[in-house]
Amino acid sequence: FGTALLHMHAIFIAPQRIFPLTSGWFNEPNTSCSVSIAANVAEGSGRASDADFARYVEIAYGSLMEVVSHARIAQLQGLLTEEVYEVIYRESDELARMQVGFARPFYERVDNKH
């Protein structure tokens, strides 16, 4: 839990580091999605069942996809360079792989119970 949460924290910091505050429409929803990534993993870890925890990791994954979508829109509108978008995409891809790997054992335990 700790390692994944720390890595997700890096994504939480990314909007403040990468996206200028002058981006207006872009800053608030992207920050909200970024915060949601770590928050859902944390909330899920407090749930009683493996199925609940895995579901919260899925929700965090959805928020991560929103971050990527927002970054792509910002890049297409000239708010981010292609290089910055590629960094966000690569970091998000790495985090997505971590999330899937992190949730897999929980899904396997849930599947084995049925």
Protein backbone atom coordinates (compact mmCIF):
# COMPACT_ATOMS: atom_id res chain seq x y z
CA PHE A 1 0.00 0.00 0.00
CA GLY A 2 2.67 2.51 1.02
CA THR A 3 4.77 2.28 -2.14
CA ALA A 4 1.77 2.59 -4.45
CA LEU A 5 0.40 5.52 -2.47
CA LEU A 6 3.74 7.34 -2.62
CA HIS A 7 3.89 6.87 -6.38
CA MET A 8 0.32 8.09 -6.70
CA HIS A 9 1.29 11.09 -4.60
CA ALA A 10 3.76 12.01 -7.36
CA ILE A 11 0.84 12.15 -9.78
CA PHE A 12 -1.07 14.30 -7.27
CA ILE A 13 1.82 16.78 -7.26
CA ALA A 14 2.07 16.78 -11.07
CA PRO A 15 -0.71 19.33 -11.75
CA GLN A 16 0.98 21.85 -9.49
CA ARG A 17 4.38 21.15 -11.04
CA ILE A 18 3.40 20.86 -14.69
CA PHE A 19 0.17 22.74 -15.29
CA PRO A 20 0.33 26.51 -14.84
CA LEU A 21 -2.25 28.10 -12.58
CA THR A 22 -3.20 30.36 -15.49
CA SER A 23 -4.69 27.38 -17.34
CA GLY A 24 -8.10 28.25 -15.91
CA TRP A 25 -10.59 25.51 -16.83
CA PHE A 26 -7.87 22.90 -16.89
CA ASN A 27 -6.35 23.27 -13.45
CA GLU A 28 -9.28 22.50 -11.13
CA PRO A 29 -10.69 19.31 -12.70
CA ASN A 30 -7.22 17.91 -13.29
CA THR A 31 -6.22 18.52 -9.70
CA SER A 32 -9.46 16.89 -8.55
CA CYS A 33 -8.77 13.77 -10.64
CA SER A 34 -5.19 13.61 -9.43
CA VAL A 35 -6.22 13.81 -5.79
CA SER A 36 -8.88 11.17 -6.43
CA ILE A 37 -6.24 8.64 -7.54
CA ALA A 38 -4.51 8.50 -4.17
CA ALA A 39 -7.70 9.06 -2.18
CA ASN A 40 -9.49 6.06 -3.71
CA VAL A 41 -6.57 3.73 -3.08
CA ALA A 42 -6.39 4.96 0.50
CA GLU A 43 -10.15 4.59 1.00
CA GLY A 44 -10.19 1.16 -0.58
CA SER A 45 -7.42 -0.05 1.70
CA GLY A 46 -9.72 0.61 4.63
CA ARG A 47 -12.51 -1.54 3.27
CA ALA A 48 -13.32 -4.94 4.72
CA SER A 49 -13.23 -7.06 1.59
CA ASP A 50 -10.80 -7.71 -1.24
CA ALA A 51 -13.58 -7.00 -3.73
CA ASP A 52 -14.18 -3.56 -2.23
CA PHE A 53 -10.49 -2.73 -2.28
CA ALA A 54 -10.11 -3.85 -5.90
CA ARG A 55 -13.12 -1.72 -6.86
CA TYR A 56 -11.53 1.39 -5.36
CA VAL A 57 -8.33 0.69 -7.29
CA GLU A 58 -10.51 0.53 -10.43
CA ILE A 59 -11.99 3.91 -9.58
CA ALA A 60 -8.48 5.30 -9.10
CA TYR A 61 -7.60 3.94 -12.55
CA GLY A 62 -10.56 5.81 -14.02
CA SER A 63 -9.33 9.02 -12.42
CA LEU A 64 -5.89 8.40 -13.89
CA MET A 65 -7.42 8.08 -17.35
CA GLU A 66 -9.12 11.44 -16.77
CA VAL A 67 -5.72 13.02 -16.03
CA VAL A 68 -4.39 11.66 -19.32
CA SER A 69 -7.46 12.89 -21.18
CA HIS A 70 -7.17 16.37 -19.67
CA ALA A 71 -3.49 16.50 -20.55
CA ARG A 72 -4.20 15.51 -24.15
CA ILE A 73 -6.88 18.18 -24.50
CA ALA A 74 -4.53 20.77 -22.99
CA GLN A 75 -1.78 19.69 -25.39
CA LEU A 76 -4.12 19.98 -28.38
CA GLN A 77 -5.15 23.47 -27.23
CA GLY A 78 -1.55 24.58 -26.90
CA LEU A 79 -1.49 24.68 -23.07
CA LEU A 80 1.07 21.86 -22.88
CA THR A 81 3.92 21.01 -25.19
CA GLU A 82 4.07 17.60 -26.83
CA GLU A 83 7.09 16.82 -24.65
CA VAL A 84 5.24 17.57 -21.41
CA TYR A 85 2.24 15.55 -22.60
CA GLU A 86 4.54 12.60 -23.34
CA VAL A 87 5.99 12.77 -19.81
CA ILE A 88 2.49 12.76 -18.32
CA TYR A 89 1.48 9.89 -20.60
CA ARG A 90 4.55 7.79 -19.72
CA GLU A 91 4.18 8.41 -15.97
CA SER A 92 0.46 7.62 -16.17
CA ASP A 93 1.15 4.44 -18.13
CA GLU A 94 3.63 3.34 -15.47
CA LEU A 95 1.13 4.08 -12.72
CA ALA A 96 -1.65 2.26 -14.59
CA ARG A 97 0.54 -0.84 -14.80
CA MET A 98 1.21 -0.56 -11.06
CA GLN A 99 -2.49 -0.25 -10.32
CA VAL A 100 -3.37 -3.29 -12.40
CA GLY A 101 -0.57 -5.32 -10.82
CA PHE A 102 -1.53 -4.09 -7.39
CA ALA A 103 -5.20 -5.06 -7.79
CA ARG A 104 -4.63 -8.42 -9.53
CA PRO A 105 -4.07 -10.48 -6.34
CA PHE A 106 -7.23 -9.05 -4.83
CA TYR A 107 -9.25 -10.00 -7.91
CA GLU A 108 -7.74 -13.48 -7.89
CA ARG A 109 -8.78 -13.97 -4.26
CA VAL A 110 -12.29 -12.73 -5.06
CA ASP A 111 -12.53 -15.06 -8.09
CA ASN A 112 -11.33 -18.02 -6.05
CA LYS A 113 -14.10 -17.44 -3.49
CA HIS A 114 -16.80 -17.93 -6.13
